[in-house]
Amino acid sequence: MTVKQNYERISEQINAAKVRANRNDEVTLIAVTKQVSTEVAKEVLAEGIHQLGENRFEGLKEKQDHIQNDVVWHFIGSLQTRKVKDVIHRIDYLHSLDRLSLAEEIQKRAAEPLKCFLQVNVSGEDSKHGIYPNDVIEFARQLSEFDKVQVVGLMTMAPFTEDVTIIRNSFKGLKELQEKVRNLHLANIPCSELSMGMSNDFEIAIEEGATFIRIGTDLVGKGR
């Protein structure tokens, strides 16, 4: 399957999920290009998708060195504090803010406010990064003091399982948290967005309120 064919199928799935959820707002598709070449990323851009996601500084820099298009860049991997100075001026969104030391480094290095998603470990799995749900409100209150950190929403990864109920409950939990944070009306924390849903579960995520979905393999394949 080509990127074009994959995109056509995924677009149909997105629209069908929105209909099921009675939604008419926008769902932003982020093409996760971390495992594929710059040439494949250019195929994605040719289809009119201009939101690209990378998870390592090296991959981000390599693609930016060869892509001159108007692209919205998303950093979706765990960001080491020592890499902040290299990454933040190259991206539009960070999807993995999960600790105070990272926020402090962004505050120190950023020239303009950086749009960030708080990464939440809704499932409580030890293998996943992220803040635990019970700590999100307090963390948000701390971040309201940082004028270079704009918390636009919450992000999570559901457990990798075929149990739809478990997946759906993870996304429901994040939606509930997002609304709680938004209703605090904290400075620099609009928290109006939800980044959730990947190749295996994005339709469920849309049904539960995702505004950003991150799709790699289903769209671009592997290692091309």
Protein backbone atom coordinates (compact mmCIF):
# COMPACT_ATOMS: atom_id res chain seq x y z
CA MET A 1 0.00 0.00 0.00
CA THR A 2 1.23 3.49 -0.84
CA VAL A 3 1.12 6.48 1.49
CA LYS A 4 -1.66 7.85 -0.70
CA GLN A 5 -3.76 4.69 -0.38
CA ASN A 6 -3.12 4.51 3.36
CA TYR A 7 -4.12 8.13 3.82
CA GLU A 8 -7.37 7.64 1.91
CA ARG A 9 -8.29 4.67 4.12
CA ILE A 10 -7.31 6.44 7.33
CA SER A 11 -9.28 9.55 6.34
CA GLU A 12 -12.37 7.39 5.88
CA GLN A 13 -11.81 5.80 9.30
CA ILE A 14 -11.38 9.21 10.93
CA ASN A 15 -14.59 10.52 9.38
CA ALA A 16 -16.52 7.38 10.35
CA ALA A 17 -15.32 7.65 13.96
CA LYS A 18 -16.36 11.30 14.08
CA VAL A 19 -19.82 10.39 12.81
CA ARG A 20 -20.17 7.68 15.48
CA ALA A 21 -19.18 10.22 18.13
CA ASN A 22 -21.43 12.93 16.66
CA ARG A 23 -18.44 15.23 16.25
CA ASN A 24 -17.96 17.98 13.70
CA ASP A 25 -14.80 19.56 15.12
CA GLU A 26 -11.30 19.04 13.74
CA VAL A 27 -9.09 16.03 14.42
CA THR A 28 -5.45 16.74 13.55
CA LEU A 29 -3.52 13.84 12.04
CA ILE A 30 0.16 13.76 12.96
CA ALA A 31 2.21 11.60 10.61
CA VAL A 32 4.79 9.86 12.78
CA THR A 33 7.82 9.66 10.51
CA LYS A 34 10.36 8.55 13.11
CA GLN A 35 11.02 5.14 11.51
CA VAL A 36 11.05 6.16 7.87
CA SER A 37 13.25 8.10 5.50
CA THR A 38 13.05 11.73 4.49
CA GLU A 39 11.76 10.59 1.10
CA VAL A 40 8.77 8.90 2.72
CA ALA A 41 8.16 12.03 4.78
CA LYS A 42 8.05 13.96 1.51
CA GLU A 43 5.40 11.53 0.23
CA VAL A 44 3.34 12.39 3.29
CA LEU A 45 3.69 16.10 2.58
CA ALA A 46 2.65 15.52 -1.03
CA GLU A 47 -0.69 14.23 0.29
CA GLY A 48 -1.30 17.51 2.07
CA ILE A 49 -0.38 16.33 5.56
CA HIS A 50 1.83 18.97 7.13
CA GLN A 51 2.01 17.74 10.72
CA LEU A 52 5.06 15.52 11.24
CA GLY A 53 6.12 13.75 14.44
CA GLU A 54 9.64 12.74 15.43
CA ASN A 55 10.93 11.25 18.67
CA ARG A 56 14.69 11.90 18.50
CA PHE A 57 16.70 15.06 17.91
CA GLU A 58 18.83 13.38 15.28
CA GLY A 59 15.84 12.27 13.22
CA LEU A 60 14.20 15.65 13.58
CA LYS A 61 17.30 17.50 12.43
CA GLU A 62 17.92 15.18 9.49
CA LYS A 63 14.42 15.68 8.11
CA GLN A 64 14.47 19.41 8.69
CA ASP A 65 17.77 19.65 6.83
CA HIS A 66 16.11 18.16 3.73
CA ILE A 67 12.52 19.40 3.98
CA GLN A 68 11.85 23.03 3.21
CA ASN A 69 8.04 22.80 3.20
CA ASP A 70 5.79 24.58 5.64
CA VAL A 71 5.64 21.88 8.34
CA VAL A 72 4.27 21.82 11.87
CA TRP A 73 6.78 19.77 13.85
CA HIS A 74 5.77 17.63 16.81
CA PHE A 75 8.27 16.06 19.21
CA ILE A 76 6.55 12.94 20.51
CA GLY A 77 9.37 11.11 22.31
CA SER A 78 10.73 11.44 25.80
CA LEU A 79 12.91 14.57 25.88
CA GLN A 80 16.08 14.51 27.95
CA THR A 81 16.73 17.72 29.83
CA ARG A 82 20.17 18.07 28.24
CA LYS A 83 18.59 17.97 24.77
CA VAL A 84 16.11 20.78 25.40
CA LYS A 85 18.39 23.47 24.01
CA ASP A 86 18.77 21.52 20.76
CA VAL A 87 15.12 20.61 20.27
CA ILE A 88 12.76 23.34 21.44
CA HIS A 89 13.62 25.92 18.79
CA ARG A 90 12.97 23.34 16.08
CA ILE A 91 9.47 22.24 17.11
CA ASP A 92 5.96 23.61 17.40
CA TYR A 93 4.61 21.07 19.89
CA LEU A 94 6.09 18.88 22.62
CA HIS A 95 3.91 15.88 23.50
CA SER A 96 5.95 14.55 26.41
CA LEU A 97 6.20 17.07 29.25
CA ASP A 98 6.31 14.81 32.29
CA ARG A 99 8.48 16.38 34.99
CA LEU A 100 9.25 19.71 36.61
CA SER A 101 12.95 19.66 35.71
CA LEU A 102 12.02 19.51 32.01
CA ALA A 103 9.64 22.45 32.38
CA GLU A 104 12.34 24.43 34.18
CA GLU A 105 14.79 23.83 31.36
CA ILE A 106 12.22 24.87 28.73
CA GLN A 107 11.51 28.02 30.74
CA LYS A 108 15.22 28.77 30.82
CA ARG A 109 15.90 28.14 27.13
CA ALA A 110 12.75 29.12 25.23
CA ALA A 111 12.51 32.46 23.43
CA GLU A 112 8.74 32.09 22.94
CA PRO A 113 6.10 30.00 24.74
CA LEU A 114 6.27 26.35 23.67
CA LYS A 115 3.02 24.44 23.16
CA CYS A 116 3.21 21.36 25.37
CA PHE A 117 1.10 18.33 26.18
CA LEU A 118 1.43 16.84 29.64
CA GLN A 119 2.16 13.15 29.20
CA VAL A 120 -0.07 11.16 31.54
CA ASN A 121 0.44 7.51 32.44
CA VAL A 122 -3.28 6.75 32.67
CA SER A 123 -2.77 2.98 32.64
CA GLY A 124 -0.17 3.04 35.42
CA GLU A 125 2.16 0.73 33.50
CA ASP A 126 5.77 0.77 34.69
CA SER A 127 6.99 0.57 31.09
CA LYS A 128 5.42 3.93 30.18
CA HIS A 129 6.62 7.47 30.84
CA GLY A 130 4.26 10.09 32.20
CA ILE A 131 2.72 11.68 35.24
CA TYR A 132 0.31 9.59 37.23
CA PRO A 133 -3.29 10.85 37.05
CA ASN A 134 -3.43 11.76 40.75
CA ASP A 135 -0.46 14.12 40.26
CA VAL A 136 -1.72 15.99 37.18
CA ILE A 137 -3.65 18.77 38.94
CA GLU A 138 -0.79 19.69 41.25
CA PHE A 139 1.71 19.54 38.38
CA ALA A 140 -0.51 21.85 36.32
CA ARG A 141 -0.67 24.33 39.19
CA GLN A 142 3.13 24.36 39.37
CA LEU A 143 3.44 24.89 35.63
CA SER A 144 1.15 27.91 35.65
CA GLU A 145 4.15 29.87 36.96
CA PHE A 146 6.11 29.21 33.74
CA ASP A 147 5.29 31.73 31.02
CA LYS A 148 7.37 29.87 28.39
CA VAL A 149 5.44 26.62 28.92
CA GLN A 150 1.96 26.67 27.41
CA VAL A 151 0.05 23.53 28.36
CA VAL A 152 -2.33 23.07 25.44
CA GLY A 153 -3.56 19.65 26.51
CA LEU A 154 -2.89 16.15 27.79
CA MET A 155 -1.35 13.16 26.03
CA THR A 156 -1.39 9.43 26.74
CA MET A 157 -0.70 6.04 25.23
CA ALA A 158 -3.28 3.36 25.92
CA PRO A 159 -2.16 -0.15 26.91
CA PHE A 160 -1.27 -2.35 23.95
CA THR A 161 -4.12 -4.81 24.19
CA GLU A 162 -7.00 -6.13 22.14
CA ASP A 163 -9.39 -5.42 25.00
CA VAL A 164 -11.36 -2.45 23.67
CA THR A 165 -12.85 -1.72 27.10
CA ILE A 166 -9.41 -1.20 28.63
CA ILE A 167 -8.35 1.07 25.76
CA ARG A 168 -11.57 3.07 25.88
CA ASN A 169 -11.37 3.55 29.64
CA SER A 170 -7.81 4.89 29.31
CA PHE A 171 -8.99 7.52 26.84
CA LYS A 172 -12.08 8.34 28.91
CA GLY A 173 -9.85 8.87 31.93
CA LEU A 174 -7.63 11.30 30.05
CA LYS A 175 -10.65 13.24 28.78
CA GLU A 176 -11.96 13.61 32.32
CA LEU A 177 -8.56 14.86 33.51
CA GLN A 178 -8.29 17.31 30.62
CA GLU A 179 -11.63 18.86 31.52
CA LYS A 180 -10.62 19.16 35.18
CA VAL A 181 -7.38 20.95 34.28
CA ARG A 182 -9.10 23.23 31.76
CA ASN A 183 -11.72 24.20 34.33
CA LEU A 184 -9.00 25.41 36.71
CA HIS A 185 -8.47 28.39 34.33
CA LEU A 186 -4.78 28.56 35.19
CA ALA A 187 -2.42 31.01 33.51
CA ASN A 188 -0.66 29.54 30.45
CA ILE A 189 -2.73 26.34 30.71
CA PRO A 190 -5.70 26.36 28.31
CA CYS A 191 -5.61 22.53 28.24
CA SER A 192 -8.19 22.29 25.47
CA GLU A 193 -6.57 19.47 23.45
CA LEU A 194 -6.18 15.70 23.72
CA SER A 195 -3.28 13.89 22.02
CA MET A 196 -4.22 10.22 22.04
CA GLY A 197 -4.66 7.40 19.60
CA MET A 198 -2.14 5.62 17.38
CA SER A 199 -2.33 3.16 14.50
CA ASN A 200 -4.05 0.42 16.50
CA ASP A 201 -6.56 2.50 18.47
CA PHE A 202 -7.08 5.93 16.89
CA GLU A 203 -10.74 5.33 16.06
CA ILE A 204 -11.54 4.65 19.72
CA ALA A 205 -9.52 7.74 20.68
CA ILE A 206 -11.56 9.91 18.32
CA GLU A 207 -14.78 8.50 19.73
CA GLU A 208 -13.54 9.53 23.19
CA GLY A 209 -12.53 13.07 22.22
CA ALA A 210 -9.01 13.02 20.72
CA THR A 211 -8.13 16.23 18.89
CA PHE A 212 -4.66 15.05 17.83
CA ILE A 213 -3.92 11.48 16.72
CA ARG A 214 -0.41 10.14 16.09
CA ILE A 215 -0.22 7.60 13.27
CA GLY A 216 2.97 5.99 12.05
CA THR A 217 2.93 2.43 10.72
CA ASP A 218 -0.61 2.51 9.29
CA LEU A 219 0.26 5.59 7.25
CA VAL A 220 3.94 5.36 6.35
CA GLY A 221 4.84 1.71 6.92
CA LYS A 222 8.08 0.65 8.57
CA GLY A 223 11.68 1.50 7.80
CA ARG A 224 11.30 2.61 4.20
